[in-house]
Amino acid sequence: MLLIRNGFVKTVSHGDIPGGSVLVDNGSIAAVGRDLSVPDGCTVFDAQGGYITPGLIDAHTHIGLDESAVRWEGADYNETSAPVTPQMRGIDGLNPMDPAFSEARHGGVTTAVTGPGSANVIGGTFLAVKLFGDQVDGMILKDPVAMKVAFGENPKGCYGQNGRKEPVTRMAIAALLRETLWKTRNYAREIERSEKEDDGKRPYDFGLEAMLPVIRREIPLKAHAHRADDILTVLRIAKEFNVDVTLDHCTEGHLIVDTLIKAERPVLVGPTLGGKSKFELKNKSFETAGILAKAGLTVCIITDAPVIPLEHLALAAGLAVRAGMDEEDAWKAITLNPARVAGIDTRVGSLDIGKDADIAVFSSDPLRDIQARAIQVFINGRPTL
């Protein structure tokens, strides 16, 4: 057993506990509160008056697939041999030995949703992993989490602007996604017919098999979209095919707030730290996350790591607070909200009894103090720093 005590406990789900403690038993949270007794044989960790928080979570990264300190050798996040590759699985390109995992833990981050990049119209599946271990199969929280799709400049730039065939335009991007969804819907019907008739003629298409969970609303499309018009195209297609979707990046979301309120889809805002490196980022602002949260939307703050190193997730949230975001909304945006969006909130995202003991202990409030550092980070109750 482990008792983490003498800290400001930020549960995220049920308020703050100054001078609080968290009791861990067999890798899970057993108790949270003040004046918890120390069981016999229990290891005690002194938080030294710092912040005890859930391990931070990023809902959109490419960690482990776009590796640190390498060039093409570790660039396994974009299969640019074709613009539609739903059969790609993030798990098969992830390297848990990437130094970015340890660096992220030093920033208090314990879980990341990671997968293919945005070169392709359909890029493959994302998964949720804990950031500690040497074998990805033992680090998985959920796989698949979502199917990556992308709109705007990235697919246009990778294909149409480089002498390759479609997509050259935004129209082609939408058409390729529609075509694949249409084929998948018909494919699902043919499977149902074959199984009903038991004729032994079940069709098999590797790419469409990967799309079946999307059509069946078991996982969402994870839609890379910066510009307002691209966001609207995402919503239009999702409605046409009755599929679930998350709006990732959502850079111009603050320009279409009323539409997003009606859509009621999660918005994953970022990466905001850094320059405006392309035209569709011209309206990028740290105010966006706060505006959308105040509108009642489920907001996650993302780094798109390694675009922003994952260890700076708390810094990104703090800058959103400085730009007007409510502090509690910012905490949820890097803990409980991404856990809910990824469908892993029964395991992680808040300090609640029964959840995994993924806990960060900071020297001070990491959203307010740029000098804050992670004293220790526990994953499944195990110290990882």
Protein backbone atom coordinates (compact mmCIF):
# COMPACT_ATOMS: atom_id res chain seq x y z
CA MET A 1 0.00 0.00 0.00
CA LEU A 2 1.01 3.61 -0.55
CA LEU A 3 -0.10 6.81 1.17
CA ILE A 4 0.60 10.10 -0.62
CA ARG A 5 0.03 12.79 1.97
CA ASN A 6 0.64 16.40 2.95
CA GLY A 7 -0.53 18.03 -0.30
CA PHE A 8 -3.25 20.06 -1.96
CA VAL A 9 -5.39 17.32 -3.51
CA LYS A 10 -6.99 18.29 -6.83
CA THR A 11 -9.54 15.53 -7.38
CA VAL A 12 -11.03 17.26 -10.49
CA SER A 13 -14.28 15.34 -10.04
CA HIS A 14 -15.36 16.32 -6.51
CA GLY A 15 -13.50 19.39 -5.35
CA ASP A 16 -10.18 20.24 -3.75
CA ILE A 17 -8.81 18.96 -0.45
CA PRO A 18 -6.15 21.19 1.15
CA GLY A 19 -3.85 19.19 3.36
CA GLY A 20 -5.17 15.99 1.86
CA SER A 21 -3.96 12.49 1.15
CA VAL A 22 -4.51 9.69 -1.34
CA LEU A 23 -4.31 6.04 -0.31
CA VAL A 24 -3.30 3.51 -2.96
CA ASP A 25 -3.87 -0.20 -2.68
CA ASN A 26 -2.86 -2.75 -5.30
CA GLY A 27 -2.47 -0.11 -8.00
CA SER A 28 -5.86 1.53 -7.43
CA ILE A 29 -7.09 4.50 -5.43
CA ALA A 30 -8.49 3.22 -2.13
CA ALA A 31 -9.27 6.48 -0.31
CA VAL A 32 -9.04 10.24 -0.77
CA GLY A 33 -9.39 12.76 2.04
CA ARG A 34 -7.89 14.43 5.09
CA ASP A 35 -6.30 12.71 8.07
CA LEU A 36 -6.17 9.28 6.46
CA SER A 37 -4.62 6.74 8.78
CA VAL A 38 -1.45 4.95 7.78
CA PRO A 39 -2.10 1.20 7.47
CA ASP A 40 0.51 -1.19 8.82
CA GLY A 41 3.32 -1.75 6.38
CA CYS A 42 2.21 1.15 4.18
CA THR A 43 4.80 3.18 2.26
CA VAL A 44 4.40 6.93 2.83
CA PHE A 45 5.23 9.57 0.21
CA ASP A 46 5.41 13.16 1.46
CA ALA A 47 4.07 15.64 -1.10
CA GLN A 48 5.80 18.45 0.84
CA GLY A 49 2.81 20.76 0.56
CA GLY A 50 2.67 20.46 -3.21
CA TYR A 51 -0.16 19.59 -5.59
CA ILE A 52 -1.51 16.04 -5.79
CA THR A 53 -3.44 15.67 -9.05
CA PRO A 54 -4.63 13.01 -11.45
CA GLY A 55 -2.04 12.12 -14.03
CA LEU A 56 -2.51 14.49 -16.95
CA ILE A 57 -4.01 13.19 -20.21
CA ASP A 58 -3.63 14.41 -23.79
CA ALA A 59 -6.41 13.38 -26.19
CA HIS A 60 -4.45 13.99 -29.41
CA THR A 61 -0.77 13.19 -29.88
CA HIS A 62 1.56 11.23 -32.14
CA ILE A 63 3.91 10.24 -29.33
CA GLY A 64 5.85 7.07 -30.06
CA LEU A 65 5.02 7.22 -33.78
CA ASP A 66 6.69 10.55 -34.58
CA GLU A 67 9.76 9.87 -32.50
CA SER A 68 12.12 12.26 -30.78
CA ALA A 69 15.66 13.00 -31.93
CA VAL A 70 15.37 11.09 -35.21
CA ARG A 71 14.51 11.89 -38.83
CA TRP A 72 12.73 9.54 -41.26
CA GLU A 73 13.99 6.56 -39.23
CA GLY A 74 11.39 7.19 -36.54
CA ALA A 75 8.71 8.87 -38.65
CA ASP A 76 6.06 6.15 -38.52
CA TYR A 77 2.97 8.32 -38.24
CA ASN A 78 2.03 8.97 -41.89
CA GLU A 79 1.65 6.17 -44.44
CA THR A 80 1.75 8.39 -47.50
CA SER A 81 1.56 5.62 -50.08
CA ALA A 82 -2.15 6.37 -50.50
CA PRO A 83 -4.59 9.01 -49.19
CA VAL A 84 -7.01 6.43 -47.74
CA THR A 85 -5.41 3.94 -45.33
CA PRO A 86 -7.92 3.02 -42.59
CA GLN A 87 -6.20 -0.34 -42.07
CA MET A 88 -3.19 1.34 -40.43
CA ARG A 89 -3.09 0.85 -36.65
CA GLY A 90 -1.22 3.21 -34.35
CA ILE A 91 -0.22 0.31 -32.11
CA ASP A 92 1.93 -1.13 -34.90
CA GLY A 93 4.04 2.01 -35.27
CA LEU A 94 4.45 2.96 -31.62
CA ASN A 95 7.88 2.76 -29.98
CA PRO A 96 7.56 2.86 -26.17
CA MET A 97 11.33 3.32 -25.91
CA ASP A 98 10.98 6.84 -27.35
CA PRO A 99 12.55 9.31 -24.85
CA ALA A 100 9.40 11.43 -25.20
CA PHE A 101 7.60 9.01 -22.86
CA SER A 102 9.93 9.71 -19.95
CA GLU A 103 9.96 13.43 -20.72
CA ALA A 104 6.16 13.50 -20.71
CA ARG A 105 6.06 11.86 -17.28
CA HIS A 106 8.39 14.55 -16.00
CA GLY A 107 5.62 16.97 -16.96
CA GLY A 108 3.04 15.00 -15.00
CA VAL A 109 1.46 13.35 -18.05
CA THR A 110 0.54 9.69 -17.55
CA THR A 111 -1.76 8.89 -20.50
CA ALA A 112 -1.82 9.85 -24.16
CA VAL A 113 -4.11 9.12 -27.06
CA THR A 114 -1.79 8.59 -30.00
CA GLY A 115 -1.92 7.48 -33.61
CA PRO A 116 -1.42 8.38 -37.27
CA GLY A 117 -0.85 11.92 -38.48
CA SER A 118 -2.91 14.09 -40.79
CA ALA A 119 -1.31 13.56 -44.19
CA ASN A 120 -4.07 11.21 -45.27
CA VAL A 121 -7.80 11.75 -45.67
CA ILE A 122 -8.19 8.56 -43.63
CA GLY A 123 -5.06 7.66 -41.72
CA GLY A 124 -5.85 4.76 -39.37
CA THR A 125 -6.72 4.13 -35.74
CA PHE A 126 -5.63 5.85 -32.55
CA LEU A 127 -5.15 4.13 -29.20
CA ALA A 128 -4.90 5.25 -25.57
CA VAL A 129 -1.73 4.22 -23.73
CA LYS A 130 -0.15 4.75 -20.37
CA LEU A 131 3.25 6.35 -20.68
CA PHE A 132 5.26 3.78 -18.78
CA GLY A 133 6.51 0.41 -19.96
CA ASP A 134 8.70 -1.21 -22.56
CA GLN A 135 6.01 -3.15 -24.47
CA VAL A 136 3.04 -1.34 -25.95
CA ASP A 137 0.77 -4.37 -25.50
CA GLY A 138 1.02 -3.96 -21.73
CA MET A 139 0.47 -0.19 -21.80
CA ILE A 140 -2.85 -0.06 -23.64
CA LEU A 141 -5.92 1.42 -22.01
CA LYS A 142 -8.07 1.18 -25.15
CA ASP A 143 -7.51 0.23 -28.78
CA PRO A 144 -8.97 1.45 -31.01
CA VAL A 145 -10.09 4.81 -29.64
CA ALA A 146 -10.93 6.50 -32.95
CA MET A 147 -10.35 6.53 -36.70
CA LYS A 148 -8.21 9.45 -37.85
CA VAL A 149 -9.45 11.60 -40.73
CA ALA A 150 -8.04 14.92 -41.93
CA PHE A 151 -9.29 17.98 -43.79
CA GLY A 152 -7.67 21.06 -45.25
CA GLU A 153 -4.07 21.86 -45.98
CA ASN A 154 -2.39 18.68 -44.77
CA PRO A 155 -3.90 16.18 -47.26
CA LYS A 156 -3.89 18.86 -49.99
CA GLY A 157 -0.23 19.57 -49.36
CA CYS A 158 0.85 15.95 -49.15
CA TYR A 159 -0.83 14.84 -52.35
CA GLY A 160 -2.26 17.47 -54.71
CA GLN A 161 0.59 19.97 -54.28
CA ASN A 162 3.35 17.39 -54.72
CA GLY A 163 2.51 16.06 -58.16
CA ARG A 164 0.55 13.11 -56.82
CA LYS A 165 -3.06 12.37 -57.62
CA GLU A 166 -6.08 13.29 -55.49
CA PRO A 167 -6.84 14.99 -53.26
CA VAL A 168 -5.96 18.25 -54.93
CA THR A 169 -8.88 20.17 -53.39
CA ARG A 170 -11.06 20.22 -50.30
CA MET A 171 -13.84 18.82 -52.52
CA ALA A 172 -11.74 15.72 -53.20
CA ILE A 173 -10.97 15.24 -49.51
CA ALA A 174 -14.67 15.22 -48.71
CA ALA A 175 -15.43 12.97 -51.68
CA LEU A 176 -12.82 10.37 -50.69
CA LEU A 177 -14.20 10.21 -47.14
CA ARG A 178 -17.79 9.99 -48.39
CA GLU A 179 -16.88 7.24 -50.84
CA THR A 180 -15.20 5.18 -48.14
CA LEU A 181 -18.09 5.61 -45.71
CA TRP A 182 -20.56 4.67 -48.46
CA LYS A 183 -18.56 1.56 -49.35
CA THR A 184 -18.33 0.61 -45.68
CA ARG A 185 -22.07 0.96 -45.16
CA ASN A 186 -22.76 -1.32 -48.12
CA TYR A 187 -20.02 -3.69 -46.97
CA ALA A 188 -21.69 -3.97 -43.54
CA ARG A 189 -25.02 -4.75 -45.20
CA GLU A 190 -23.43 -7.46 -47.33
CA ILE A 191 -21.87 -9.01 -44.21
CA GLU A 192 -25.26 -9.00 -42.47
CA ARG A 193 -26.90 -10.61 -45.52
CA SER A 194 -24.22 -13.30 -45.78
CA GLU A 195 -24.37 -14.13 -42.09
CA LYS A 196 -28.18 -14.23 -42.12
CA GLU A 197 -28.23 -16.58 -45.10
CA ASP A 198 -25.24 -18.51 -43.77
CA ASP A 199 -23.98 -18.87 -47.33
CA GLY A 200 -20.27 -18.89 -46.53
CA LYS A 201 -19.72 -15.91 -48.80
CA ARG A 202 -18.86 -13.25 -46.25
CA PRO A 203 -16.84 -10.55 -48.01
CA TYR A 204 -13.48 -9.42 -46.69
CA ASP A 205 -11.78 -6.09 -47.36
CA PHE A 206 -8.97 -5.15 -44.98
CA GLY A 207 -9.55 -1.40 -45.15
CA LEU A 208 -13.34 -1.58 -44.88
CA GLU A 209 -13.08 -3.98 -41.94
CA ALA A 210 -11.23 -1.22 -40.09
CA MET A 211 -14.04 1.22 -40.92
CA LEU A 212 -16.84 -1.01 -39.60
CA PRO A 213 -16.56 0.27 -35.99
CA VAL A 214 -17.07 3.80 -37.34
CA ILE A 215 -20.25 2.95 -39.24
CA ARG A 216 -21.49 1.01 -36.21
CA ARG A 217 -20.79 4.04 -33.98
CA GLU A 218 -18.43 2.03 -31.81
CA ILE A 219 -15.63 4.57 -32.33
CA PRO A 220 -15.71 8.15 -33.67
CA LEU A 221 -13.97 9.75 -36.57
CA LYS A 222 -11.11 11.78 -35.13
CA ALA A 223 -11.29 14.76 -37.46
CA HIS A 224 -8.29 17.04 -38.00
CA ALA A 225 -9.89 20.38 -38.95
CA HIS A 226 -8.55 23.89 -38.34
CA ARG A 227 -10.61 26.19 -40.54
CA ALA A 228 -14.27 26.90 -39.84
CA ASP A 229 -15.37 25.67 -43.26
CA ASP A 230 -13.51 22.39 -42.75
CA ILE A 231 -15.16 21.94 -39.36
CA LEU A 232 -18.55 22.43 -41.00
CA THR A 233 -17.69 19.84 -43.67
CA VAL A 234 -16.81 17.36 -40.91
CA LEU A 235 -20.18 17.90 -39.26
CA ARG A 236 -22.02 17.69 -42.59
CA ILE A 237 -20.51 14.32 -43.49
CA ALA A 238 -20.95 12.93 -39.97
CA LYS A 239 -24.63 13.81 -40.14
CA GLU A 240 -25.03 12.30 -43.63
CA PHE A 241 -23.68 8.93 -42.50
CA ASN A 242 -24.83 9.05 -38.85
CA VAL A 243 -21.34 8.55 -37.47
CA ASP A 244 -19.77 9.92 -34.31
CA VAL A 245 -16.98 12.48 -34.52
CA THR A 246 -14.58 14.55 -32.43
CA LEU A 247 -13.39 17.93 -33.67
CA ASP A 248 -9.62 17.96 -33.31
CA HIS A 249 -7.60 21.21 -33.40
CA CYS A 250 -10.78 23.25 -33.97
CA THR A 251 -8.62 26.35 -34.41
CA GLU A 252 -11.45 28.53 -35.71
CA GLY A 253 -14.07 27.02 -33.44
CA HIS A 254 -14.55 30.36 -31.70
CA LEU A 255 -15.86 31.76 -35.01
CA ILE A 256 -18.76 29.26 -35.19
CA VAL A 257 -19.72 28.82 -31.55
CA ASP A 258 -23.48 28.59 -32.15
CA THR A 259 -22.99 25.80 -34.68
CA LEU A 260 -20.74 23.85 -32.33
CA ILE A 261 -23.25 24.19 -29.51
CA LYS A 262 -25.91 22.62 -31.72
CA ALA A 263 -23.55 19.87 -32.86
CA GLU A 264 -22.70 18.88 -29.23
CA ARG A 265 -19.42 17.24 -30.20
CA PRO A 266 -16.19 17.27 -28.17
CA VAL A 267 -13.64 19.89 -29.24
CA LEU A 268 -9.94 19.12 -28.86
CA VAL A 269 -8.22 22.50 -29.02
CA GLY A 270 -4.57 22.94 -29.94
CA PRO A 271 -1.68 22.93 -30.42
CA THR A 272 -1.82 26.63 -29.57
CA LEU A 273 1.67 27.18 -28.18
CA GLY A 274 4.06 28.17 -30.96
CA GLY A 275 3.86 30.14 -34.18
CA LYS A 276 1.28 30.19 -36.97
CA SER A 277 3.12 27.90 -39.32
CA LYS A 278 0.49 27.71 -42.06
CA PHE A 279 -2.38 29.75 -43.45
CA GLU A 280 -5.20 27.82 -41.77
CA LEU A 281 -3.70 28.75 -38.37
CA LYS A 282 -4.05 32.50 -38.92
CA ASN A 283 -6.85 32.76 -36.33
CA LYS A 284 -5.13 30.57 -33.73
CA SER A 285 -5.65 31.92 -30.21
CA PHE A 286 -5.33 30.79 -26.60
CA GLU A 287 -8.78 32.30 -26.08
CA THR A 288 -10.49 29.58 -28.13
CA ALA A 289 -10.53 26.88 -25.44
CA GLY A 290 -12.08 29.20 -22.87
CA ILE A 291 -14.70 30.54 -25.28
CA LEU A 292 -15.82 27.02 -26.18
CA ALA A 293 -15.80 25.82 -22.57
CA LYS A 294 -17.94 28.79 -21.48
CA ALA A 295 -20.38 27.81 -24.25
CA GLY A 296 -20.86 24.47 -22.49
CA LEU A 297 -18.83 22.29 -24.84
CA THR A 298 -16.62 19.42 -23.75
CA VAL A 299 -13.14 20.86 -24.28
CA CYS A 300 -9.79 19.12 -24.26
CA ILE A 301 -6.50 20.98 -24.55
CA ILE A 302 -4.01 19.11 -26.75
CA THR A 303 -0.34 19.42 -27.64
CA ASP A 304 -0.39 17.37 -30.86
CA ALA A 305 2.94 16.12 -29.50
CA PRO A 306 5.63 16.30 -30.70
CA VAL A 307 4.39 19.60 -32.22
CA ILE A 308 4.41 20.84 -28.63
CA PRO A 309 6.43 18.50 -26.40
CA LEU A 310 3.95 16.58 -24.28
CA GLU A 311 5.59 17.63 -21.02
CA HIS A 312 4.25 21.16 -21.70
CA LEU A 313 0.58 20.12 -21.53
CA ALA A 314 0.05 21.86 -18.17
CA LEU A 315 1.77 24.98 -19.52
CA ALA A 316 -0.64 25.05 -22.46
CA ALA A 317 -3.57 24.81 -20.04
CA GLY A 318 -2.11 27.59 -17.91
CA LEU A 319 -1.80 29.86 -20.94
CA ALA A 320 -5.45 29.16 -21.76
CA VAL A 321 -6.35 30.27 -18.23
CA ARG A 322 -4.31 33.44 -18.68
CA ALA A 323 -6.35 34.07 -21.86
CA GLY A 324 -9.65 33.81 -19.98
CA MET A 325 -10.45 30.13 -19.50
CA ASP A 326 -11.94 29.17 -16.14
CA GLU A 327 -9.28 27.37 -14.12
CA GLU A 328 -11.48 24.39 -13.28
CA ASP A 329 -12.41 24.02 -16.95
CA ALA A 330 -8.70 24.02 -17.79
CA TRP A 331 -8.00 21.26 -15.28
CA LYS A 332 -10.80 19.15 -16.74
CA ALA A 333 -9.45 19.83 -20.24
CA ILE A 334 -6.21 17.97 -19.41
CA THR A 335 -7.61 15.23 -17.16
CA LEU A 336 -11.26 14.16 -16.99
CA ASN A 337 -12.50 15.48 -20.34
CA PRO A 338 -9.90 13.67 -22.46
CA ALA A 339 -10.55 10.52 -20.43
CA ARG A 340 -14.26 10.77 -21.19
CA VAL A 341 -13.72 11.54 -24.87
CA ALA A 342 -11.43 8.52 -25.21
CA GLY A 343 -13.81 6.27 -23.27
CA ILE A 344 -11.31 5.53 -20.50
CA ASP A 345 -12.81 7.63 -17.68
CA THR A 346 -13.69 4.57 -15.57
CA ARG A 347 -9.95 4.04 -15.25
CA VAL A 348 -8.27 7.47 -15.26
CA GLY A 349 -8.89 11.23 -15.33
CA SER A 350 -9.74 12.02 -11.69
CA LEU A 351 -8.83 11.00 -8.16
CA ASP A 352 -11.78 8.74 -7.38
CA ILE A 353 -11.90 5.53 -5.38
CA GLY A 354 -11.50 2.51 -7.61
CA LYS A 355 -9.69 4.27 -10.45
CA ASP A 356 -6.12 3.48 -11.42
CA ALA A 357 -3.56 5.16 -9.19
CA ASP A 358 -2.18 7.40 -11.93
CA ILE A 359 -1.15 10.39 -9.86
CA ALA A 360 1.13 13.39 -10.37
CA VAL A 361 2.70 15.23 -7.45
CA PHE A 362 3.82 18.75 -8.36
CA SER A 363 5.92 21.14 -6.30
CA SER A 364 3.22 23.81 -6.83
CA ASP A 365 0.19 24.53 -9.03
CA PRO A 366 1.43 23.73 -12.58
CA LEU A 367 -1.26 25.90 -14.19
CA ARG A 368 -0.22 28.99 -12.20
CA ASP A 369 3.48 28.55 -11.61
CA ILE A 370 5.88 28.08 -14.52
CA GLN A 371 8.47 26.95 -11.97
CA ALA A 372 6.29 23.99 -10.91
CA ARG A 373 7.91 20.62 -11.44
CA ALA A 374 6.76 17.05 -11.01
CA ILE A 375 8.24 15.70 -7.78
CA GLN A 376 6.98 12.22 -8.53
CA VAL A 377 4.55 10.58 -10.95
CA PHE A 378 2.81 7.32 -10.16
CA ILE A 379 1.28 5.01 -12.76
CA ASN A 380 -0.75 2.13 -11.35
CA GLY A 381 0.66 3.19 -7.98
CA ARG A 382 4.24 2.70 -9.13
CA PRO A 383 6.73 5.60 -9.03
CA THR A 384 8.05 6.36 -12.53
CA LEU A 385 10.53 9.21 -12.07
